[in-house]
N, C-alpha and C. Protein backbone atom coordinates (compact mmCIF):
# COMPACT_ATOMS: atom_id res chain seq x y z
N MET A 1 102.72 151.90 118.58
CA MET A 1 101.80 150.76 119.16
C MET A 1 101.61 149.46 120.25
N PRO A 2 101.47 150.17 121.34
CA PRO A 2 102.05 148.89 122.83
C PRO A 2 101.56 147.56 122.67
N ILE A 3 102.46 147.23 123.22
CA ILE A 3 102.48 144.85 123.25
C ILE A 3 101.36 144.94 124.70
N ASP A 4 100.53 144.28 124.05
CA ASP A 4 99.33 143.64 125.10
C ASP A 4 100.56 142.40 125.54
N ILE A 5 100.56 142.47 126.97
CA ILE A 5 101.46 141.61 127.25
C ILE A 5 100.62 140.09 127.64
N HIS A 6 99.51 140.15 127.80
CA HIS A 6 98.75 139.17 128.73
C HIS A 6 98.84 138.40 127.10
N VAL A 7 98.82 138.74 125.54
CA VAL A 7 98.55 138.49 124.23
C VAL A 7 99.76 138.13 124.48
N LEU A 8 100.80 138.05 124.86
CA LEU A 8 102.00 137.64 124.36
C LEU A 8 102.20 136.29 125.28
N LEU A 9 101.81 136.49 126.59
CA LEU A 9 102.11 135.95 127.61
C LEU A 9 101.06 133.61 127.29
N VAL A 10 100.04 134.98 125.96
CA VAL A 10 99.26 133.57 126.43
C VAL A 10 99.52 132.67 124.33
N LEU A 11 100.43 133.50 123.40
CA LEU A 11 100.59 133.19 122.23
C LEU A 11 101.83 132.84 122.19
N VAL A 12 103.01 133.25 122.99
CA VAL A 12 104.33 132.77 123.16
C VAL A 12 104.36 131.20 123.36
N PRO A 13 103.81 130.96 124.29
CA PRO A 13 104.01 129.75 124.86
C PRO A 13 103.42 128.62 123.82
N VAL A 14 102.00 129.16 123.19
CA VAL A 14 101.18 128.58 122.09
C VAL A 14 101.86 128.02 121.20
N ILE A 15 102.64 129.37 120.65
CA ILE A 15 103.63 129.45 119.42
C ILE A 15 104.72 127.97 119.02
N LEU A 16 105.25 128.18 120.50
CA LEU A 16 106.50 127.67 120.60
C LEU A 16 106.52 126.10 120.66
N ILE A 17 105.12 125.52 121.31
CA ILE A 17 104.82 124.35 121.38
C ILE A 17 104.82 123.65 120.13
N ALA A 18 103.58 124.41 119.52
CA ALA A 18 103.17 123.86 117.73
C ALA A 18 104.51 123.85 117.42
N ILE A 19 105.12 125.02 116.59
CA ILE A 19 106.44 125.23 116.01
C ILE A 19 107.25 123.98 116.40
N THR A 20 107.45 123.47 117.76
CA THR A 20 108.47 122.57 118.45
C THR A 20 108.04 121.10 117.72
N VAL A 21 107.13 120.87 117.91
CA VAL A 21 106.51 119.18 118.03
C VAL A 21 106.35 119.22 116.37
N HIS A 22 105.82 120.04 115.71
CA HIS A 22 106.01 119.83 114.36
C HIS A 22 106.83 120.10 113.45
N GLU A 23 108.30 120.45 114.45
CA GLU A 23 109.94 120.13 113.30
C GLU A 23 109.96 118.92 114.07
N PHE A 24 109.86 118.75 115.67
CA PHE A 24 110.54 117.70 116.34
C PHE A 24 109.81 116.48 115.62
N SER A 25 108.70 116.03 115.09
CA SER A 25 107.88 114.98 114.59
C SER A 25 108.75 114.48 113.17
N HIS A 26 109.02 116.15 112.36
CA HIS A 26 109.90 115.37 110.88
C HIS A 26 110.89 114.88 111.27
N ALA A 27 111.55 115.56 112.84
CA ALA A 27 112.74 114.69 113.11
C ALA A 27 112.46 113.06 113.35
N TRP A 28 111.82 113.37 114.54
CA TRP A 28 111.57 111.66 114.52
C TRP A 28 110.98 110.70 113.24
N ALA A 29 110.30 110.95 112.44
CA ALA A 29 110.45 109.64 111.49
C ALA A 29 111.12 110.07 110.61
N ALA A 30 112.33 111.27 109.88
CA ALA A 30 113.30 111.06 109.01
C ALA A 30 114.03 109.77 110.23
N ASN A 31 114.50 109.73 111.38
CA ASN A 31 115.30 109.25 111.85
C ASN A 31 114.91 107.78 111.62
N ARG A 32 113.43 107.79 111.86
CA ARG A 32 113.53 106.03 112.32
C ARG A 32 113.37 105.61 110.84
N LEU A 33 112.77 106.44 109.42
CA LEU A 33 113.03 105.74 108.68
C LEU A 33 113.91 105.81 107.85
N GLY A 34 115.13 106.18 108.75
CA GLY A 34 116.71 106.52 108.48
C GLY A 34 117.67 106.65 107.61
N ASP A 35 117.29 107.54 108.13
CA ASP A 35 118.06 109.45 107.59
C ASP A 35 118.32 110.21 109.17
N PRO A 36 119.31 109.73 109.52
CA PRO A 36 120.16 110.22 111.24
C PRO A 36 120.34 111.99 111.02
N THR A 37 120.17 112.35 109.85
CA THR A 37 120.59 113.71 109.22
C THR A 37 120.24 114.81 110.39
N ALA A 38 118.97 115.10 110.55
CA ALA A 38 118.64 115.81 111.53
C ALA A 38 118.57 115.38 112.95
N ARG A 39 118.73 114.14 113.15
CA ARG A 39 119.59 113.86 114.17
C ARG A 39 120.69 114.23 114.86
N LEU A 40 121.21 114.11 114.28
CA LEU A 40 123.02 114.57 114.42
C LEU A 40 122.70 115.92 114.70
N GLU A 41 122.26 116.31 113.65
CA GLU A 41 122.65 118.48 113.46
C GLU A 41 121.36 118.97 114.85
N GLY A 42 120.83 117.50 115.97
CA GLY A 42 120.29 118.24 116.70
C GLY A 42 119.42 117.90 117.16
N ARG A 43 118.20 118.27 116.11
CA ARG A 43 116.71 118.48 115.43
C ARG A 43 115.93 117.64 116.37
N LEU A 44 116.55 116.44 116.89
CA LEU A 44 115.69 115.62 117.25
C LEU A 44 115.72 115.82 118.65
N THR A 45 114.86 117.05 119.55
CA THR A 45 114.88 116.97 120.80
C THR A 45 113.82 118.81 120.18
N LEU A 46 112.81 118.53 121.61
CA LEU A 46 111.88 118.95 121.92
C LEU A 46 112.44 120.80 122.73
N ASN A 47 113.19 121.04 122.33
CA ASN A 47 113.88 122.10 122.75
C ASN A 47 113.80 123.29 121.98
N PRO A 48 112.58 124.19 121.98
CA PRO A 48 112.41 124.41 120.80
C PRO A 48 112.76 125.28 120.73
N MET A 49 114.15 125.58 121.07
CA MET A 49 115.27 126.61 120.51
C MET A 49 116.23 126.08 119.35
N ALA A 50 115.25 124.31 119.20
CA ALA A 50 116.18 123.36 118.41
C ALA A 50 115.84 124.12 116.61
N HIS A 51 114.74 124.33 116.83
CA HIS A 51 113.22 124.56 115.85
C HIS A 51 112.90 125.63 115.56
N LEU A 52 113.10 127.28 116.30
CA LEU A 52 113.13 128.40 115.53
C LEU A 52 113.92 128.87 114.52
N ASP A 53 112.96 129.87 113.62
CA ASP A 53 113.72 130.27 112.51
C ASP A 53 113.87 131.67 112.91
N PRO A 54 114.22 132.98 113.11
CA PRO A 54 114.06 134.18 113.32
C PRO A 54 112.82 134.32 112.84
N ILE A 55 113.26 134.79 111.64
CA ILE A 55 112.33 135.76 110.63
C ILE A 55 110.43 135.10 110.72
N GLY A 56 110.83 133.61 110.65
CA GLY A 56 109.71 133.25 110.39
C GLY A 56 108.63 133.41 111.98
N THR A 57 109.52 133.01 112.67
CA THR A 57 108.80 132.80 114.66
C THR A 57 108.56 134.29 114.46
N LEU A 58 109.22 135.61 113.91
CA LEU A 58 108.61 137.35 113.64
C LEU A 58 107.58 137.58 113.35
N CYS A 59 107.23 137.01 111.57
CA CYS A 59 106.30 137.09 111.02
C CYS A 59 104.85 136.11 111.56
N LEU A 60 105.27 135.62 112.29
CA LEU A 60 103.88 134.64 113.27
C LEU A 60 103.34 135.79 114.20
N PHE A 61 103.53 136.79 114.73
CA PHE A 61 103.47 137.92 115.79
C PHE A 61 103.21 139.13 114.63
N ILE A 62 103.40 139.53 113.57
CA ILE A 62 103.29 140.29 113.33
C ILE A 62 102.08 140.79 111.80
N ALA A 63 102.07 139.10 111.50
CA ALA A 63 101.58 138.64 109.79
C ALA A 63 100.70 137.51 110.62
N ASN A 64 100.28 137.29 111.58
CA ASN A 64 99.62 135.41 111.58
C ASN A 64 100.54 134.68 110.68
N PHE A 65 101.73 134.39 110.05
CA PHE A 65 101.44 133.86 109.29
C PHE A 65 104.05 133.24 109.10
N GLY A 66 103.59 132.43 109.61
CA GLY A 66 105.29 131.89 109.99
C GLY A 66 105.44 130.09 109.75
N TRP A 67 106.66 130.05 109.92
CA TRP A 67 107.59 128.91 110.08
C TRP A 67 108.49 129.00 110.95
N GLY A 68 109.04 127.59 111.14
CA GLY A 68 109.87 126.90 112.20
C GLY A 68 111.64 127.21 111.11
N ARG A 69 111.95 126.77 111.19
CA ARG A 69 113.41 126.55 110.91
C ARG A 69 113.61 124.85 110.70
N PRO A 70 113.21 124.57 109.40
CA PRO A 70 113.39 123.58 107.87
C PRO A 70 113.81 122.16 108.43
N VAL A 71 113.44 121.29 109.01
CA VAL A 71 114.56 119.83 109.19
C VAL A 71 115.23 119.37 108.12
N PRO A 72 116.20 119.02 108.08
CA PRO A 72 117.00 118.41 107.07
C PRO A 72 117.13 117.63 107.19
N VAL A 73 116.25 117.05 105.80
CA VAL A 73 116.35 115.44 105.38
C VAL A 73 117.23 115.27 104.06
N ASP A 74 117.84 114.38 104.03
CA ASP A 74 118.79 113.69 102.54
C ASP A 74 117.96 112.39 102.69
N ASN A 75 117.31 112.69 101.64
CA ASN A 75 116.92 111.30 100.93
C ASN A 75 117.18 109.87 100.36
N ARG A 76 118.71 110.09 100.47
CA ARG A 76 119.24 109.31 100.01
C ARG A 76 119.63 107.91 100.97
N ASN A 77 119.22 109.20 102.21
CA ASN A 77 119.28 107.63 103.20
C ASN A 77 118.00 106.47 103.84
N PHE A 78 117.16 106.99 102.32
CA PHE A 78 115.76 106.20 103.01
C PHE A 78 115.51 105.27 101.73
N LYS A 79 115.19 103.79 102.20
CA LYS A 79 115.03 102.83 101.34
C LYS A 79 114.41 103.35 100.16
N HIS A 80 113.16 103.66 100.64
CA HIS A 80 112.49 103.88 99.15
C HIS A 80 111.77 106.31 99.47
N PRO A 81 113.05 106.31 98.83
CA PRO A 81 113.18 108.13 99.10
C PRO A 81 112.21 109.24 98.70
N LEU A 82 110.78 108.39 97.54
CA LEU A 82 109.36 109.19 97.63
C LEU A 82 108.44 108.92 98.69
N ARG A 83 108.54 107.64 98.54
CA ARG A 83 107.71 107.06 99.64
C ARG A 83 108.02 107.96 101.29
N ASP A 84 109.20 106.96 101.59
CA ASP A 84 109.71 107.75 102.95
C ASP A 84 109.43 109.68 103.00
N ASP A 85 109.92 110.59 101.69
CA ASP A 85 109.97 111.27 102.21
C ASP A 85 108.65 112.28 102.13
N MET A 86 107.51 111.54 101.39
CA MET A 86 105.91 111.71 102.20
C MET A 86 105.26 111.49 103.66
N LEU A 87 106.30 110.24 104.13
CA LEU A 87 105.67 110.45 104.99
C LEU A 87 106.31 111.20 106.69
N VAL A 88 107.68 111.11 106.03
CA VAL A 88 108.45 112.50 106.54
C VAL A 88 107.07 113.43 106.79
N SER A 89 107.18 114.27 105.81
CA SER A 89 106.54 115.27 105.82
C SER A 89 105.33 115.53 106.58
N ALA A 90 104.24 114.19 105.80
CA ALA A 90 102.76 114.14 106.85
C ALA A 90 102.94 113.90 108.31
N CYS A 91 104.04 114.03 108.81
CA CYS A 91 104.34 113.24 110.26
C CYS A 91 104.35 114.69 110.98
N GLY A 92 104.27 116.48 110.02
CA GLY A 92 104.32 117.05 111.06
C GLY A 92 103.18 118.30 111.05
N PRO A 93 102.40 118.25 110.27
CA PRO A 93 100.57 118.45 110.11
C PRO A 93 99.49 117.47 110.75
N LEU A 94 100.55 115.77 110.67
CA LEU A 94 99.90 114.58 111.38
C LEU A 94 99.69 115.75 113.63
N SER A 95 101.58 115.75 113.49
CA SER A 95 101.34 115.97 114.38
C SER A 95 100.95 117.37 115.28
N ASN A 96 100.67 118.28 115.02
CA ASN A 96 99.86 119.43 115.08
C ASN A 96 98.26 118.93 114.68
N LEU A 97 97.81 118.64 114.15
CA LEU A 97 96.80 117.92 114.18
C LEU A 97 96.35 116.68 115.56
N PHE A 98 96.33 115.80 115.84
CA PHE A 98 96.84 114.99 117.28
C PHE A 98 96.80 115.98 118.52
N THR A 99 97.89 116.88 118.62
CA THR A 99 97.95 118.15 119.73
C THR A 99 96.85 119.12 119.51
N ALA A 100 95.96 119.42 118.44
CA ALA A 100 94.86 120.29 118.46
C ALA A 100 93.57 119.23 119.33
N LEU A 101 93.89 117.77 118.52
CA LEU A 101 92.90 116.91 119.18
C LEU A 101 92.74 116.32 121.25
N VAL A 102 94.52 116.66 121.14
CA VAL A 102 94.56 116.35 123.13
C VAL A 102 93.84 118.04 123.19
N LEU A 103 94.25 119.18 123.35
CA LEU A 103 93.95 120.00 123.59
C LEU A 103 92.25 120.57 123.49
N GLY A 104 91.80 119.94 122.44
CA GLY A 104 90.01 119.81 122.06
C GLY A 104 89.44 119.06 123.97
N MET A 105 90.58 118.35 123.89
CA MET A 105 89.66 116.91 124.90
C MET A 105 89.88 117.74 126.28
N ALA A 106 90.53 118.04 126.59
CA ALA A 106 91.45 119.39 127.67
C ALA A 106 89.93 119.82 127.94
N LEU A 107 90.05 120.79 126.21
CA LEU A 107 88.82 121.89 127.23
C LEU A 107 87.37 121.51 127.25
N GLN A 108 87.42 120.79 126.27
CA GLN A 108 86.10 119.70 126.44
C GLN A 108 85.68 119.28 128.25
N PHE A 109 86.40 118.14 128.37
CA PHE A 109 86.33 117.56 129.71
C PHE A 109 86.13 118.69 130.97
N LEU A 110 87.51 119.96 130.93
CA LEU A 110 87.51 121.21 132.09
C LEU A 110 86.19 121.87 131.99
N GLY A 111 85.36 122.45 130.62
CA GLY A 111 84.29 122.58 130.88
C GLY A 111 83.62 122.35 131.19
N GLU A 112 83.20 121.24 130.66
CA GLU A 112 81.84 119.90 131.45
C GLU A 112 81.96 119.58 133.03
N TYR A 113 82.58 119.79 133.11
CA TYR A 113 82.88 119.99 135.07
C TYR A 113 82.80 121.08 135.52
N SER A 114 83.12 122.67 134.91
CA SER A 114 82.77 123.14 135.69
C SER A 114 85.29 123.77 136.56
N LEU A 115 86.04 123.16 135.70
CA LEU A 115 86.83 122.89 135.99
C LEU A 115 87.82 124.43 135.22
N LEU A 116 87.11 125.23 134.74
CA LEU A 116 87.81 125.70 133.94
C LEU A 116 86.90 126.56 133.32
N SER A 117 87.45 128.57 134.29
CA SER A 117 86.07 129.04 133.93
C SER A 117 87.02 129.79 132.66
N HIS A 118 85.35 130.21 131.41
CA HIS A 118 85.87 131.76 130.75
C HIS A 118 87.24 132.59 130.62
N ARG A 119 87.45 132.25 129.04
CA ARG A 119 88.29 133.76 129.71
C ARG A 119 90.08 133.92 130.54
N SER A 120 89.86 132.70 131.09
CA SER A 120 91.06 132.49 131.97
C SER A 120 92.24 131.80 131.07
N TYR A 121 93.37 132.60 132.25
CA TYR A 121 94.60 131.93 131.33
C TYR A 121 94.62 130.86 131.22
N PRO A 122 94.44 130.09 131.15
CA PRO A 122 94.72 128.66 131.00
C PRO A 122 93.70 127.95 129.83
N TYR A 123 91.85 128.76 130.17
CA TYR A 123 91.34 128.97 128.60
C TYR A 123 91.90 128.79 127.76
N GLU A 124 92.86 130.39 127.64
CA GLU A 124 92.36 130.75 126.87
C GLU A 124 94.39 130.07 125.83
N LEU A 125 94.92 129.77 126.90
CA LEU A 125 96.39 128.94 126.28
C LEU A 125 95.36 127.34 125.55
N LEU A 126 94.72 126.82 125.86
CA LEU A 126 93.90 125.66 125.31
C LEU A 126 93.48 126.40 123.87
N ARG A 127 92.24 127.47 124.27
CA ARG A 127 91.63 127.84 123.15
C ARG A 127 92.74 128.05 121.61
N LEU A 128 93.27 128.75 122.34
CA LEU A 128 94.57 129.27 121.21
C LEU A 128 95.34 128.23 120.89
N GLY A 129 95.89 127.64 122.06
CA GLY A 129 97.10 126.05 121.19
C GLY A 129 95.67 125.19 119.82
N LEU A 130 95.04 124.94 120.17
CA LEU A 130 94.34 124.14 119.21
C LEU A 130 93.98 125.39 117.84
N ILE A 131 93.20 126.18 118.20
CA ILE A 131 93.05 126.94 116.62
C ILE A 131 94.66 127.17 116.06
N ILE A 132 95.93 127.92 116.53
CA ILE A 132 97.60 127.52 116.00
C ILE A 132 97.33 126.22 115.03
N ASN A 133 97.53 125.51 116.18
CA ASN A 133 97.76 124.29 115.68
C ASN A 133 97.09 123.67 114.79
N LEU A 134 95.66 123.48 114.89
CA LEU A 134 95.02 123.65 113.25
C LEU A 134 95.29 124.50 112.63
N THR A 135 95.53 125.89 112.22
CA THR A 135 95.92 126.58 111.12
C THR A 135 97.49 126.20 110.58
N LEU A 136 98.73 125.48 111.60
CA LEU A 136 99.31 125.28 111.23
C LEU A 136 100.02 124.10 110.64
N CYS A 137 98.52 123.25 110.63
CA CYS A 137 98.64 121.88 110.20
C CYS A 137 98.31 121.89 109.08
N PHE A 138 96.46 122.87 108.64
CA PHE A 138 96.39 123.16 107.30
C PHE A 138 96.96 123.79 106.47
N PHE A 139 97.58 124.46 106.97
CA PHE A 139 98.15 125.26 106.00
C PHE A 139 99.73 124.85 105.68
N ASN A 140 100.78 123.78 105.79
CA ASN A 140 101.64 123.14 105.50
C ASN A 140 100.79 122.04 104.62
N LEU A 141 99.61 121.89 104.45
CA LEU A 141 99.29 121.04 103.65
C LEU A 141 99.05 121.48 102.61
N ILE A 142 98.68 123.31 102.40
CA ILE A 142 98.87 123.60 100.78
C ILE A 142 100.03 123.43 100.06
N PRO A 143 99.43 122.09 98.70
CA PRO A 143 101.08 121.61 97.66
C PRO A 143 101.60 122.89 97.19
N LEU A 144 102.36 123.68 98.11
CA LEU A 144 103.03 124.65 97.13
C LEU A 144 104.33 124.30 97.82
N TYR A 145 104.98 124.43 97.17
CA TYR A 145 106.93 124.19 97.48
C TYR A 145 107.15 125.07 98.48
N PRO A 146 108.10 125.23 99.84
CA PRO A 146 108.19 124.12 100.30
C PRO A 146 107.65 123.88 101.37
N LEU A 147 106.10 123.89 101.62
CA LEU A 147 105.33 123.51 102.62
C LEU A 147 105.49 121.54 102.29
N ASP A 148 105.02 121.55 103.42
CA ASP A 148 104.65 120.09 103.23
C ASP A 148 103.66 119.43 102.67
N GLY A 149 102.80 120.05 102.00
CA GLY A 149 101.89 119.55 100.97
C GLY A 149 102.31 118.95 99.95
N SER A 150 103.67 119.67 99.22
CA SER A 150 104.29 119.61 97.96
C SER A 150 104.58 118.46 98.52
N HIS A 151 105.76 118.17 99.22
CA HIS A 151 106.16 116.51 99.06
C HIS A 151 104.99 115.55 99.68
N ILE A 152 104.44 115.49 99.89
CA ILE A 152 103.09 114.32 100.35
C ILE A 152 102.57 114.55 98.64
N LEU A 153 101.86 115.69 97.98
CA LEU A 153 101.04 114.82 96.60
C LEU A 153 103.01 114.70 96.07
N LYS A 154 103.67 115.03 95.89
CA LYS A 154 104.98 114.38 95.09
C LYS A 154 104.67 113.14 95.33
N GLY A 155 104.63 112.43 96.72
CA GLY A 155 105.09 111.17 97.31
C GLY A 155 103.76 110.71 96.47
N LEU A 156 102.39 110.96 96.12
CA LEU A 156 101.19 110.29 95.84
C LEU A 156 100.98 109.84 94.31
N LEU A 157 102.33 110.98 93.36
CA LEU A 157 102.61 111.14 91.84
C LEU A 157 102.70 110.20 91.23
N PRO A 158 101.82 109.17 89.97
CA PRO A 158 102.91 107.90 89.33
C PRO A 158 104.24 108.64 89.19
N GLU A 159 105.13 107.90 89.34
CA GLU A 159 106.39 108.01 88.89
C GLU A 159 107.09 109.06 87.39
N GLY A 160 106.23 108.94 86.81
CA GLY A 160 106.45 109.43 85.74
C GLY A 160 106.09 110.70 85.41
N MET A 161 105.47 111.82 86.57
CA MET A 161 104.86 112.45 86.81
C MET A 161 105.61 113.33 87.91
N VAL A 162 106.85 112.69 88.02
CA VAL A 162 107.03 113.69 89.41
C VAL A 162 108.21 114.71 88.66
N PRO A 163 109.14 114.59 87.95
CA PRO A 163 109.60 115.30 87.28
C PRO A 163 109.44 116.32 86.78
N GLY A 164 108.04 116.34 86.19
CA GLY A 164 107.32 117.49 85.93
C GLY A 164 106.76 118.17 86.83
N TYR A 165 106.84 117.22 87.86
CA TYR A 165 105.91 118.53 88.77
C TYR A 165 107.29 118.87 89.63
N GLU A 166 107.96 118.61 89.77
CA GLU A 166 109.42 119.54 90.02
C GLU A 166 109.96 120.48 89.94
N ARG A 167 109.74 120.40 88.58
CA ARG A 167 109.67 121.98 87.48
C ARG A 167 108.88 123.34 87.69
N ILE A 168 107.08 122.19 87.82
CA ILE A 168 106.52 123.17 88.38
C ILE A 168 106.67 124.34 89.73
N SER A 169 107.02 122.86 90.56
CA SER A 169 107.86 123.34 91.91
C SER A 169 108.83 124.76 92.20
N SER A 170 108.64 124.84 91.03
CA SER A 170 109.97 126.09 91.61
C SER A 170 109.21 127.12 91.82
N TYR A 171 107.98 127.23 90.95
CA TYR A 171 107.31 128.58 90.61
C TYR A 171 106.54 128.48 91.49
N SER A 172 106.39 127.71 93.08
CA SER A 172 105.52 127.74 94.06
C SER A 172 105.30 128.66 95.54
N PRO A 173 106.89 128.80 95.70
CA PRO A 173 107.46 129.55 96.05
C PRO A 173 106.66 131.44 95.92
N PHE A 174 107.11 132.29 94.43
CA PHE A 174 106.61 132.82 94.16
C PHE A 174 104.61 132.81 94.23
N ILE A 175 103.80 131.87 94.15
CA ILE A 175 102.65 131.36 94.00
C ILE A 175 101.87 132.23 95.53
N LEU A 176 102.65 131.19 97.01
CA LEU A 176 102.59 131.07 98.49
C LEU A 176 102.83 132.39 98.43
N LEU A 177 103.83 133.10 98.03
CA LEU A 177 103.84 134.75 98.46
C LEU A 177 102.66 135.76 98.25
N GLY A 178 102.59 135.49 96.63
CA GLY A 178 101.63 136.16 96.27
C GLY A 178 100.16 135.88 97.29
N LEU A 179 100.01 134.74 97.40
CA LEU A 179 99.33 134.36 98.27
C LEU A 179 98.69 135.57 99.53
N VAL A 180 100.26 135.72 99.96
CA VAL A 180 99.78 136.06 101.82
C VAL A 180 100.14 138.23 101.73
N ALA A 181 101.11 138.07 100.32
CA ALA A 181 101.06 139.62 100.15
C ALA A 181 99.84 140.63 98.82
N LEU A 182 98.73 139.95 97.96
CA LEU A 182 97.77 140.13 98.02
C LEU A 182 96.82 140.49 98.94
N GLY A 183 96.50 139.69 99.81
CA GLY A 183 96.10 139.65 101.43
C GLY A 183 95.25 141.41 101.55
N PRO A 184 96.31 142.18 102.02
CA PRO A 184 96.35 143.31 103.07
C PRO A 184 95.88 143.97 101.17
N ILE A 185 96.56 143.93 99.99
CA ILE A 185 95.91 144.66 98.77
C ILE A 185 94.46 144.68 98.80
N PHE A 186 94.08 143.32 98.40
CA PHE A 186 92.43 143.31 98.10
C PHE A 186 91.93 143.37 99.72
N GLN A 187 92.12 143.46 100.52
CA GLN A 187 91.53 143.98 101.90
C GLN A 187 91.28 142.75 102.85
N VAL A 188 91.82 141.26 102.16
CA VAL A 188 90.49 139.83 102.58
C VAL A 188 91.94 139.37 102.41
N SER A 189 92.02 138.03 103.17
CA SER A 189 92.58 137.08 103.32
C SER A 189 92.82 136.29 102.93
N LEU A 190 93.77 136.14 102.35
CA LEU A 190 93.53 134.60 100.86
C LEU A 190 93.20 133.57 101.67
N LEU A 191 94.32 133.20 102.40
CA LEU A 191 95.13 132.62 103.37
C LEU A 191 94.25 132.41 104.51
N GLY A 192 93.86 132.81 104.60
CA GLY A 192 92.64 132.42 105.82
C GLY A 192 91.07 132.18 105.47
N ASN A 193 90.36 132.54 103.69
CA ASN A 193 90.03 131.91 103.48
C ASN A 193 89.80 130.61 103.35
N ILE A 194 91.28 130.25 102.88
CA ILE A 194 91.60 128.89 102.49
C ILE A 194 91.52 128.04 103.86
N LEU A 195 92.73 128.79 104.93
CA LEU A 195 92.46 128.23 105.89
C LEU A 195 91.39 127.36 107.10
N TRP A 196 90.59 128.82 107.15
CA TRP A 196 89.58 128.95 108.18
C TRP A 196 88.27 127.52 107.74
N PRO A 197 87.60 126.93 106.75
CA PRO A 197 87.09 126.06 106.69
C PRO A 197 87.33 125.05 107.35
N PRO A 198 88.80 124.14 106.82
CA PRO A 198 88.93 123.54 108.06
C PRO A 198 89.26 123.13 109.17
N VAL A 199 89.91 124.52 109.90
CA VAL A 199 90.07 125.28 111.39
C VAL A 199 88.92 124.57 111.56
N ARG A 200 88.08 125.32 111.63
CA ARG A 200 87.01 125.49 111.86
C ARG A 200 86.09 124.60 112.20
N PHE A 201 85.72 123.62 110.81
CA PHE A 201 85.47 122.23 111.21
C PHE A 201 86.31 121.85 112.12
N PHE A 202 87.29 121.47 111.97
CA PHE A 202 88.17 120.49 113.36
C PHE A 202 88.10 121.19 114.70
N ALA A 203 87.97 122.11 115.31
CA ALA A 203 87.95 122.52 116.27
C ALA A 203 86.69 122.68 116.36
N GLY A 204 85.23 122.23 115.96
CA GLY A 204 83.99 122.12 116.36
C GLY A 204 83.99 120.98 116.99
N LEU A 205 84.62 119.99 115.37
CA LEU A 205 84.86 118.35 115.66
C LEU A 205 85.95 117.92 117.41
N PHE A 206 86.41 118.75 117.76
CA PHE A 206 87.41 118.46 118.63
C PHE A 206 86.24 118.65 120.22
N THR A 207 86.16 119.82 120.11
CA THR A 207 85.38 120.05 121.02
C THR A 207 84.43 121.44 121.26
N SER A 208 83.38 121.23 121.69
CA SER A 208 81.94 122.40 121.42
C SER A 208 82.53 123.73 122.94
N VAL A 209 83.04 123.33 123.71
CA VAL A 209 83.06 125.19 124.91
C VAL A 209 84.19 126.18 123.95
N LEU A 210 84.58 126.01 122.15
CA LEU A 210 85.42 127.37 122.45
C LEU A 210 83.99 128.08 122.05
């Protein structure tokens, strides 16, 4: 199947920016809260090459499902391990939500003043950037380990429930894999059905010119 060069010219920068912003935000938050591990390993940077996971990036192009290289975090360096781990985890999805907001505002402004022609390359960059950042945000909020949502949920649970939740979390990667793998079998995107409603809502909230 031939590669559509135009699609790649849009997808590559959009995916690089979304993953880089996400992982950098984790590293920044961890460093601010007292854990220098990511900074010492060169992850406190906006250089995309520091954050890409080869297999995760390949999967983004093949299956529209992927990931960046996880930012190393040592909870022992935090003053409040559960709370601070939750905050570090939340910063990744929040950074993608904020990026989507900025892109949506740019689309709205340029569209209203006819400074951006429909289906032009800049339009597609902004449009796809908005969608991918929202998708990455809400995908990572799914409360299944190792996604950020699992750390956020753990931080919100009463302390006595945390050990039990951690035991259950050991099965989470298999549940997540099942959600991805069962889609083609049943000819329905299970992850898409979970993610598309909030993505569509926030895309409409951030701009009206999609």
